[in-house]
């Protein structure tokens, strides 16, 4: 199990594929682990370019140095990970919290980032997002059953059409109950706090990177208006809205999502 030292702690990472050219770094979102990329994205992405996945501090096999952290701290972890494994420059794709980390990585370490893909994320949390994240913190803090937490996530991240498909929802629920949240409750709470505090809205204009902003048209967690604002704040951004998909656009519209990303990286 590969581990990389990033200062006071170690992060678990994996490199998939052996294609030449710039690699692609996948940054997972709130409450998730790098396993979330393995079934639907890694096989196709790694056939085109080396694909790097990793777990944030305190997630899975990655160590938790303790204490509060910011999105900027997670971005610095990522830069040190690239240093540790000898990757000078990479394309970066981040979803939700991972998209916030990708923004900070490009802002704080611009030479390390080639092209950037931002999925289901925002430049700054509005009042509704802040209230929702505070609610999720409270749900975990009060020790609610995992089934209740799973239902809450599905309601905010899946489209109405997907929720009607019981043959899909049932195994998703069983998988969530089996694997649970891949981190201690306090790490999830600290991730929520970092997402609440994230604000890159006034700094994104300084980025010269080509950016792709991907939005599910039915996204409730990060609705299209937040993606439009994010794309407008970036000097070199294009916005792609995928119909019939919600926040988990990479799962609900996998083929189109993967093709859109690869086309952008190869353009």
C-alpha atoms as a PDB file:
ATOM      1  CA  UNK A   1       0.000   0.000   0.000  1.00  0.00           C
ATOM      2  CA  UNK A   2       1.927   3.089  -1.209  1.00  0.00           C
ATOM      3  CA  UNK A   3       2.336   5.844   1.364  1.00  0.00           C
ATOM      4  CA  UNK A   4       3.923   9.263   0.805  1.00  0.00           C
ATOM      5  CA  UNK A   5       5.295  11.527   3.522  1.00  0.00           C
ATOM      6  CA  UNK A   6       3.789  15.025   3.269  1.00  0.00           C
ATOM      7  CA  UNK A   7       5.372  16.625   6.310  1.00  0.00           C
ATOM      8  CA  UNK A   8       3.988  15.524   9.654  1.00  0.00           C
ATOM      9  CA  UNK A   9       1.861  12.721   8.219  1.00  0.00           C
ATOM     10  CA  UNK A  10       1.574  10.220   5.376  1.00  0.00           C
ATOM     11  CA  UNK A  11      -1.016   9.923   2.620  1.00  0.00           C
ATOM     12  CA  UNK A  12      -2.148   6.769   0.879  1.00  0.00           C
ATOM     13  CA  UNK A  13      -1.950   7.026  -2.914  1.00  0.00           C
ATOM     14  CA  UNK A  14      -2.147   4.850  -6.025  1.00  0.00           C
ATOM     15  CA  UNK A  15      -0.857   5.345  -9.574  1.00  0.00           C
ATOM     16  CA  UNK A  16      -2.785   3.620 -12.355  1.00  0.00           C
ATOM     17  CA  UNK A  17      -1.600   3.097 -15.926  1.00  0.00           C
ATOM     18  CA  UNK A  18       1.736   3.732 -17.591  1.00  0.00           C
ATOM     19  CA  UNK A  19       0.832   6.073 -20.455  1.00  0.00           C
ATOM     20  CA  UNK A  20       3.280   8.829 -21.298  1.00  0.00           C
ATOM     21  CA  UNK A  21       2.544  12.535 -21.123  1.00  0.00           C
ATOM     22  CA  UNK A  22       1.178  14.589 -18.279  1.00  0.00           C
ATOM     23  CA  UNK A  23      -0.624  12.519 -15.638  1.00  0.00           C
ATOM     24  CA  UNK A  24      -4.094  13.194 -14.246  1.00  0.00           C
ATOM     25  CA  UNK A  25      -4.635  13.715 -10.523  1.00  0.00           C
ATOM     26  CA  UNK A  26      -8.110  12.872  -9.161  1.00  0.00           C
ATOM     27  CA  UNK A  27      -9.088  14.624  -5.909  1.00  0.00           C
ATOM     28  CA  UNK A  28     -12.017  13.090  -4.068  1.00  0.00           C
ATOM     29  CA  UNK A  29     -14.735  15.079  -2.365  1.00  0.00           C
ATOM     30  CA  UNK A  30     -16.325  15.439   1.062  1.00  0.00           C
ATOM     31  CA  UNK A  31     -16.762  12.224   3.014  1.00  0.00           C
ATOM     32  CA  UNK A  32     -15.291  10.012   0.296  1.00  0.00           C
ATOM     33  CA  UNK A  33     -12.181   8.009  -0.389  1.00  0.00           C
ATOM     34  CA  UNK A  34     -10.170   7.426  -3.545  1.00  0.00           C
ATOM     35  CA  UNK A  35     -12.011   4.117  -4.027  1.00  0.00           C
ATOM     36  CA  UNK A  36     -14.878   6.169  -5.404  1.00  0.00           C
ATOM     37  CA  UNK A  37     -12.911   6.762  -8.618  1.00  0.00           C
ATOM     38  CA  UNK A  38     -11.810   3.177  -9.194  1.00  0.00           C
ATOM     39  CA  UNK A  39     -14.839   1.581 -10.834  1.00  0.00           C
ATOM     40  CA  UNK A  40     -16.055   4.265 -13.245  1.00  0.00           C
ATOM     41  CA  UNK A  41     -13.199   6.703 -13.943  1.00  0.00           C
ATOM     42  CA  UNK A  42      -9.834   5.030 -13.395  1.00  0.00           C
ATOM     43  CA  UNK A  43     -10.142   2.305 -16.078  1.00  0.00           C
ATOM     44  CA  UNK A  44     -10.874   4.778 -18.886  1.00  0.00           C
ATOM     45  CA  UNK A  45      -8.665   7.622 -17.662  1.00  0.00           C
ATOM     46  CA  UNK A  46      -5.649   5.397 -16.960  1.00  0.00           C
ATOM     47  CA  UNK A  47      -5.797   3.960 -20.490  1.00  0.00           C
ATOM     48  CA  UNK A  48      -5.123   7.481 -21.792  1.00  0.00           C
ATOM     49  CA  UNK A  49      -2.698   8.810 -19.161  1.00  0.00           C
ATOM     50  CA  UNK A  50      -1.204   7.893 -15.807  1.00  0.00           C
ATOM     51  CA  UNK A  51      -3.879   8.503 -13.202  1.00  0.00           C
ATOM     52  CA  UNK A  52      -3.078   9.347  -9.583  1.00  0.00           C
ATOM     53  CA  UNK A  53      -5.605   8.885  -6.767  1.00  0.00           C
ATOM     54  CA  UNK A  54      -5.070   9.513  -3.070  1.00  0.00           C
ATOM     55  CA  UNK A  55      -6.899   9.869   0.236  1.00  0.00           C
ATOM     56  CA  UNK A  56      -7.005  13.122   2.178  1.00  0.00           C
ATOM     57  CA  UNK A  57      -5.521  13.287   5.668  1.00  0.00           C
ATOM     58  CA  UNK A  58      -7.480  11.137   8.120  1.00  0.00           C
ATOM     59  CA  UNK A  59      -9.239   9.175   5.350  1.00  0.00           C
ATOM     60  CA  UNK A  60      -8.718   5.453   4.826  1.00  0.00           C
ATOM     61  CA  UNK A  61      -5.049   4.580   5.293  1.00  0.00           C
ATOM     62  CA  UNK A  62      -3.902   8.227   5.252  1.00  0.00           C
ATOM     63  CA  UNK A  63      -2.713   9.514   8.609  1.00  0.00           C
ATOM     64  CA  UNK A  64      -4.481  12.260  10.543  1.00  0.00           C
ATOM     65  CA  UNK A  65      -2.095  14.856  12.036  1.00  0.00           C
ATOM     66  CA  UNK A  66      -4.980  16.151  14.157  1.00  0.00           C
ATOM     67  CA  UNK A  67      -6.420  19.596  14.546  1.00  0.00           C
ATOM     68  CA  UNK A  68      -8.483  21.807  12.298  1.00  0.00           C
ATOM     69  CA  UNK A  69      -7.458  22.193   8.661  1.00  0.00           C
ATOM     70  CA  UNK A  70      -8.393  24.390   5.738  1.00  0.00           C
ATOM     71  CA  UNK A  71      -8.817  23.706   2.044  1.00  0.00           C
ATOM     72  CA  UNK A  72      -5.435  25.422   1.621  1.00  0.00           C
ATOM     73  CA  UNK A  73      -3.890  22.875   4.012  1.00  0.00           C
ATOM     74  CA  UNK A  74      -5.298  20.044   1.895  1.00  0.00           C
ATOM     75  CA  UNK A  75      -3.889  21.703  -1.233  1.00  0.00           C
ATOM     76  CA  UNK A  76      -0.460  21.901   0.377  1.00  0.00           C
ATOM     77  CA  UNK A  77      -0.765  18.208   1.287  1.00  0.00           C
ATOM     78  CA  UNK A  78      -1.384  17.529  -2.400  1.00  0.00           C
ATOM     79  CA  UNK A  79       1.629  19.558  -3.543  1.00  0.00           C
ATOM     80  CA  UNK A  80       3.843  17.685  -1.071  1.00  0.00           C
ATOM     81  CA  UNK A  81       2.416  14.394  -2.338  1.00  0.00           C
ATOM     82  CA  UNK A  82       3.462  15.352  -5.875  1.00  0.00           C
ATOM     83  CA  UNK A  83       6.923  16.232  -4.540  1.00  0.00           C
ATOM     84  CA  UNK A  84       7.210  12.921  -2.711  1.00  0.00           C
ATOM     85  CA  UNK A  85       6.394  10.775  -5.752  1.00  0.00           C
ATOM     86  CA  UNK A  86       8.296  12.923  -8.254  1.00  0.00           C
ATOM     87  CA  UNK A  87       5.482  14.447 -10.304  1.00  0.00           C
ATOM     88  CA  UNK A  88       6.393  17.995 -11.323  1.00  0.00           C
ATOM     89  CA  UNK A  89       3.214  18.914 -13.195  1.00  0.00           C
ATOM     90  CA  UNK A  90      -0.182  17.303 -13.674  1.00  0.00           C
ATOM     91  CA  UNK A  91      -3.710  17.840 -14.876  1.00  0.00           C
ATOM     92  CA  UNK A  92      -6.086  18.032 -11.917  1.00  0.00           C
ATOM     93  CA  UNK A  93      -9.725  16.944 -11.536  1.00  0.00           C
ATOM     94  CA  UNK A  94     -11.583  17.579  -8.298  1.00  0.00           C
ATOM     95  CA  UNK A  95     -15.169  16.957  -7.212  1.00  0.00           C
ATOM     96  CA  UNK A  96     -16.971  19.062  -4.564  1.00  0.00           C
ATOM     97  CA  UNK A  97     -14.405  19.432  -1.741  1.00  0.00           C
ATOM     98  CA  UNK A  98     -11.842  18.025  -4.174  1.00  0.00           C
ATOM     99  CA  UNK A  99     -12.749  20.830  -6.576  1.00  0.00           C
ATOM    100  CA  UNK A 100     -12.065  23.336  -3.829  1.00  0.00           C
ATOM    101  CA  UNK A 101      -8.701  21.694  -3.193  1.00  0.00           C
ATOM    102  CA  UNK A 102      -7.971  21.858  -6.929  1.00  0.00           C
ATOM    103  CA  UNK A 103      -8.712  25.589  -6.924  1.00  0.00           C
ATOM    104  CA  UNK A 104      -6.336  26.194  -4.016  1.00  0.00           C
ATOM    105  CA  UNK A 105      -3.677  23.948  -5.531  1.00  0.00           C
ATOM    106  CA  UNK A 106      -3.730  26.006  -8.738  1.00  0.00           C
ATOM    107  CA  UNK A 107      -3.688  29.261  -6.766  1.00  0.00           C
ATOM    108  CA  UNK A 108      -0.958  28.303  -4.315  1.00  0.00           C
ATOM    109  CA  UNK A 109       1.157  26.096  -6.584  1.00  0.00           C
ATOM    110  CA  UNK A 110       0.326  27.254 -10.143  1.00  0.00           C
ATOM    111  CA  UNK A 111       3.384  25.667 -11.775  1.00  0.00           C
ATOM    112  CA  UNK A 112       2.264  22.209 -10.606  1.00  0.00           C
ATOM    113  CA  UNK A 113      -1.077  22.372 -12.423  1.00  0.00           C
ATOM    114  CA  UNK A 114      -1.622  22.106 -16.199  1.00  0.00           C
ATOM    115  CA  UNK A 115      -5.355  21.943 -16.914  1.00  0.00           C
ATOM    116  CA  UNK A 116      -8.007  21.885 -14.235  1.00  0.00           C
ATOM    117  CA  UNK A 117     -11.418  20.164 -14.148  1.00  0.00           C
ATOM    118  CA  UNK A 118     -13.892  21.272 -11.482  1.00  0.00           C
ATOM    119  CA  UNK A 119     -16.956  19.098 -10.862  1.00  0.00           C
ATOM    120  CA  UNK A 120     -19.915  19.768  -8.576  1.00  0.00           C
ATOM    121  CA  UNK A 121     -18.171  22.489  -6.602  1.00  0.00           C
ATOM    122  CA  UNK A 122     -18.194  26.195  -5.834  1.00  0.00           C
ATOM    123  CA  UNK A 123     -15.876  29.171  -5.375  1.00  0.00           C
ATOM    124  CA  UNK A 124     -17.622  30.233  -2.175  1.00  0.00           C
ATOM    125  CA  UNK A 125     -20.374  28.669  -0.083  1.00  0.00           C
ATOM    126  CA  UNK A 126     -23.653  30.553   0.019  1.00  0.00           C
ATOM    127  CA  UNK A 127     -25.983  30.585   3.037  1.00  0.00           C
ATOM    128  CA  UNK A 128     -27.819  27.411   1.988  1.00  0.00           C
ATOM    129  CA  UNK A 129     -24.620  25.426   1.496  1.00  0.00           C
ATOM    130  CA  UNK A 130     -23.302  26.611   4.864  1.00  0.00           C
ATOM    131  CA  UNK A 131     -26.548  25.624   6.598  1.00  0.00           C
ATOM    132  CA  UNK A 132     -26.571  22.228   4.902  1.00  0.00           C
ATOM    133  CA  UNK A 133     -22.982  21.466   5.886  1.00  0.00           C
ATOM    134  CA  UNK A 134     -23.735  22.486   9.475  1.00  0.00           C
ATOM    135  CA  UNK A 135     -26.691  20.090   9.370  1.00  0.00           C
ATOM    136  CA  UNK A 136     -24.466  17.251   8.127  1.00  0.00           C
ATOM    137  CA  UNK A 137     -22.016  17.946  10.935  1.00  0.00           C
ATOM    138  CA  UNK A 138     -24.868  17.729  13.440  1.00  0.00           C
ATOM    139  CA  UNK A 139     -26.188  14.489  11.928  1.00  0.00           C
ATOM    140  CA  UNK A 140     -22.818  12.815  12.361  1.00  0.00           C
ATOM    141  CA  UNK A 141     -22.311  14.347  15.789  1.00  0.00           C
ATOM    142  CA  UNK A 142     -25.629  13.012  17.058  1.00  0.00           C
ATOM    143  CA  UNK A 143     -24.784   9.469  15.971  1.00  0.00           C
ATOM    144  CA  UNK A 144     -27.707   8.969  13.607  1.00  0.00           C
ATOM    145  CA  UNK A 145     -27.982   5.538  11.942  1.00  0.00           C
ATOM    146  CA  UNK A 146     -25.907   5.106   8.797  1.00  0.00           C
ATOM    147  CA  UNK A 147     -29.063   4.370   6.797  1.00  0.00           C
ATOM    148  CA  UNK A 148     -30.409   7.847   7.617  1.00  0.00           C
ATOM    149  CA  UNK A 149     -27.130   9.480   6.612  1.00  0.00           C
ATOM    150  CA  UNK A 150     -27.075   7.450   3.384  1.00  0.00           C
ATOM    151  CA  UNK A 151     -30.621   8.539   2.518  1.00  0.00           C
ATOM    152  CA  UNK A 152     -29.706  12.165   3.181  1.00  0.00           C
ATOM    153  CA  UNK A 153     -26.733  11.951   0.833  1.00  0.00           C
ATOM    154  CA  UNK A 154     -28.744  10.269  -1.898  1.00  0.00           C
ATOM    155  CA  UNK A 155     -31.462  12.923  -1.722  1.00  0.00           C
ATOM    156  CA  UNK A 156     -28.900  15.679  -2.291  1.00  0.00           C
ATOM    157  CA  UNK A 157     -26.614  13.954  -4.801  1.00  0.00           C
ATOM    158  CA  UNK A 158     -28.792  11.814  -7.102  1.00  0.00           C
ATOM    159  CA  UNK A 159     -31.391  12.826  -9.675  1.00  0.00           C
ATOM    160  CA  UNK A 160     -35.078  12.038  -9.242  1.00  0.00           C
ATOM    161  CA  UNK A 161     -34.849   9.591 -12.140  1.00  0.00           C
ATOM    162  CA  UNK A 162     -31.995   7.688 -10.521  1.00  0.00           C
ATOM    163  CA  UNK A 163     -33.807   7.542  -7.177  1.00  0.00           C
ATOM    164  CA  UNK A 164     -36.718   5.793  -8.942  1.00  0.00           C
ATOM    165  CA  UNK A 165     -34.406   2.956 -10.010  1.00  0.00           C
ATOM    166  CA  UNK A 166     -34.589   0.652  -7.005  1.00  0.00           C
ATOM    167  CA  UNK A 167     -32.294  -1.878  -8.702  1.00  0.00           C
ATOM    168  CA  UNK A 168     -29.550   0.773  -8.474  1.00  0.00           C
ATOM    169  CA  UNK A 169     -30.459   2.409  -5.174  1.00  0.00           C
ATOM    170  CA  UNK A 170     -30.647  -0.813  -3.152  1.00  0.00           C
ATOM    171  CA  UNK A 171     -27.061  -1.955  -3.882  1.00  0.00           C
ATOM    172  CA  UNK A 172     -25.830   1.613  -3.360  1.00  0.00           C
ATOM    173  CA  UNK A 173     -27.444   1.655   0.062  1.00  0.00           C
ATOM    174  CA  UNK A 174     -26.045  -1.766   0.923  1.00  0.00           C
ATOM    175  CA  UNK A 175     -22.579  -0.683  -0.182  1.00  0.00           C
ATOM    176  CA  UNK A 176     -22.771   2.436   1.981  1.00  0.00           C
ATOM    177  CA  UNK A 177     -23.899   0.430   5.016  1.00  0.00           C
ATOM    178  CA  UNK A 178     -21.124  -2.105   4.402  1.00  0.00           C
ATOM    179  CA  UNK A 179     -18.290   0.369   3.888  1.00  0.00           C
ATOM    180  CA  UNK A 180     -19.646   3.181   6.081  1.00  0.00           C
ATOM    181  CA  UNK A 181     -17.876   6.553   6.025  1.00  0.00           C
ATOM    182  CA  UNK A 182     -14.150   5.935   5.345  1.00  0.00           C
ATOM    183  CA  UNK A 183     -13.019   8.268   8.136  1.00  0.00           C
ATOM    184  CA  UNK A 184     -13.723   9.021  11.799  1.00  0.00           C
ATOM    185  CA  UNK A 185     -16.642  11.322  12.518  1.00  0.00           C
ATOM    186  CA  UNK A 186     -14.390  14.159  13.671  1.00  0.00           C
ATOM    187  CA  UNK A 187     -12.474  14.128  10.370  1.00  0.00           C
ATOM    188  CA  UNK A 188     -15.753  14.429   8.450  1.00  0.00           C
ATOM    189  CA  UNK A 189     -16.745  17.361  10.675  1.00  0.00           C
ATOM    190  CA  UNK A 190     -13.407  19.063   9.996  1.00  0.00           C
ATOM    191  CA  UNK A 191     -13.899  18.507   6.253  1.00  0.00           C
ATOM    192  CA  UNK A 192     -17.315  20.192   6.491  1.00  0.00           C
ATOM    193  CA  UNK A 193     -15.757  23.129   8.336  1.00  0.00           C
ATOM    194  CA  UNK A 194     -13.094  23.479   5.631  1.00  0.00           C
ATOM    195  CA  UNK A 195     -15.790  23.512   2.913  1.00  0.00           C
ATOM    196  CA  UNK A 196     -17.797  26.134   4.806  1.00  0.00           C
ATOM    197  CA  UNK A 197     -14.764  28.418   5.081  1.00  0.00           C
ATOM    198  CA  UNK A 198     -13.564  27.968   1.482  1.00  0.00           C
ATOM    199  CA  UNK A 199     -13.632  31.212  -0.482  1.00  0.00           C
ATOM    200  CA  UNK A 200     -11.583  31.609  -3.656  1.00  0.00           C
ATOM    201  CA  UNK A 201     -14.084  33.838  -5.441  1.00  0.00           C
ATOM    202  CA  UNK A 202     -11.944  36.994  -5.399  1.00  0.00           C
ATOM    203  CA  UNK A 203      -8.723  35.188  -6.350  1.00  0.00           C
ATOM    204  CA  UNK A 204      -9.736  32.988  -9.273  1.00  0.00           C
ATOM    205  CA  UNK A 205      -9.315  35.834 -11.748  1.00  0.00           C
ATOM    206  CA  UNK A 206      -5.546  35.445 -11.325  1.00  0.00           C
ATOM    207  CA  UNK A 207      -5.528  31.892 -12.694  1.00  0.00           C
ATOM    208  CA  UNK A 208      -4.232  31.464 -16.226  1.00  0.00           C
ATOM    209  CA  UNK A 209      -5.002  27.729 -16.368  1.00  0.00           C
ATOM    210  CA  UNK A 210      -7.437  26.320 -18.891  1.00  0.00           C
ATOM    211  CA  UNK A 211     -10.384  25.089 -16.872  1.00  0.00           C
ATOM    212  CA  UNK A 212     -13.401  22.874 -17.454  1.00  0.00           C
ATOM    213  CA  UNK A 213     -16.375  23.249 -15.121  1.00  0.00           C
ATOM    214  CA  UNK A 214     -18.753  20.267 -15.213  1.00  0.00           C
ATOM    215  CA  UNK A 215     -22.256  20.428 -13.780  1.00  0.00           C
ATOM    216  CA  UNK A 216     -25.142  17.989 -13.583  1.00  0.00           C
ATOM    217  CA  UNK A 217     -28.247  19.845 -14.699  1.00  0.00           C
ATOM    218  CA  UNK A 218     -30.252  18.362 -11.802  1.00  0.00           C
ATOM    219  CA  UNK A 219     -27.607  19.065  -9.151  1.00  0.00           C
ATOM    220  CA  UNK A 220     -29.222  20.185  -5.884  1.00  0.00           C
ATOM    221  CA  UNK A 221     -26.092  20.222  -3.738  1.00  0.00           C
ATOM    222  CA  UNK A 222     -24.185  22.553  -6.071  1.00  0.00           C
ATOM    223  CA  UNK A 223     -26.813  23.867  -8.511  1.00  0.00           C
ATOM    224  CA  UNK A 224     -25.998  25.175 -11.990  1.00  0.00           C
ATOM    225  CA  UNK A 225     -25.982  28.820 -10.876  1.00  0.00           C
ATOM    226  CA  UNK A 226     -22.968  28.112  -8.642  1.00  0.00           C
ATOM    227  CA  UNK A 227     -21.172  26.500 -11.580  1.00  0.00           C
ATOM    228  CA  UNK A 228     -21.976  29.466 -13.789  1.00  0.00           C
ATOM    229  CA  UNK A 229     -20.523  31.806 -11.173  1.00  0.00           C
ATOM    230  CA  UNK A 230     -17.435  29.611 -10.861  1.00  0.00           C
ATOM    231  CA  UNK A 231     -16.865  29.505 -14.619  1.00  0.00           C
ATOM    232  CA  UNK A 232     -17.400  33.261 -14.885  1.00  0.00           C
ATOM    233  CA  UNK A 233     -14.758  33.880 -12.213  1.00  0.00           C
ATOM    234  CA  UNK A 234     -12.124  31.889 -14.156  1.00  0.00           C
ATOM    235  CA  UNK A 235     -10.460  33.699 -17.084  1.00  0.00           C
ATOM    236  CA  UNK A 236     -10.009  30.575 -19.245  1.00  0.00           C
ATOM    237  CA  UNK A 237     -12.999  28.370 -18.395  1.00  0.00           C
ATOM    238  CA  UNK A 238     -15.619  26.484 -20.313  1.00  0.00           C
ATOM    239  CA  UNK A 239     -18.807  25.235 -18.696  1.00  0.00           C
ATOM    240  CA  UNK A 240     -20.435  21.914 -19.598  1.00  0.00           C
ATOM    241  CA  UNK A 241     -23.859  21.110 -18.158  1.00  0.00           C
ATOM    242  CA  UNK A 242     -24.914  17.474 -18.497  1.00  0.00           C
ATOM    243  CA  UNK A 243     -28.689  16.849 -18.613  1.00  0.00           C
ATOM    244  CA  UNK A 244     -30.301  14.044 -16.658  1.00  0.00           C
ATOM    245  CA  UNK A 245     -27.570  13.992 -14.007  1.00  0.00           C
ATOM    246  CA  UNK A 246     -27.318  15.486 -10.562  1.00  0.00           C
ATOM    247  CA  UNK A 247     -24.377  16.041  -8.201  1.00  0.00           C
ATOM    248  CA  UNK A 248     -22.901  12.579  -8.854  1.00  0.00           C
ATOM    249  CA  UNK A 249     -22.659  13.335 -12.553  1.00  0.00           C
ATOM    250  CA  UNK A 250     -19.560  11.127 -12.883  1.00  0.00           C
ATOM    251  CA  UNK A 251     -21.707   8.121 -11.862  1.00  0.00           C
ATOM    252  CA  UNK A 252     -25.042   9.025 -13.454  1.00  0.00           C
ATOM    253  CA  UNK A 253     -23.560  10.023 -16.830  1.00  0.00           C
ATOM    254  CA  UNK A 254     -20.261   8.159 -16.734  1.00  0.00           C
ATOM    255  CA  UNK A 255     -19.663   7.761 -20.474  1.00  0.00           C
ATOM    256  CA  UNK A 256     -20.344  11.387 -21.347  1.00  0.00           C
ATOM    257  CA  UNK A 257     -18.486  12.656 -18.284  1.00  0.00           C
ATOM    258  CA  UNK A 258     -15.355  10.624 -19.006  1.00  0.00           C
ATOM    259  CA  UNK A 259     -15.357  11.520 -22.694  1.00  0.00           C
ATOM    260  CA  UNK A 260     -15.858  15.209 -21.914  1.00  0.00           C
ATOM    261  CA  UNK A 261     -12.907  15.219 -19.514  1.00  0.00           C
ATOM    262  CA  UNK A 262     -10.568  13.327 -21.862  1.00  0.00           C
ATOM    263  CA  UNK A 263     -11.502  15.520 -24.798  1.00  0.00           C
ATOM    264  CA  UNK A 264     -10.732  18.638 -22.753  1.00  0.00           C
ATOM    265  CA  UNK A 265      -7.366  17.278 -21.629  1.00  0.00           C
ATOM    266  CA  UNK A 266      -6.376  16.253 -25.149  1.00  0.00           C
ATOM    267  CA  UNK A 267      -7.602  19.391 -26.927  1.00  0.00           C
END
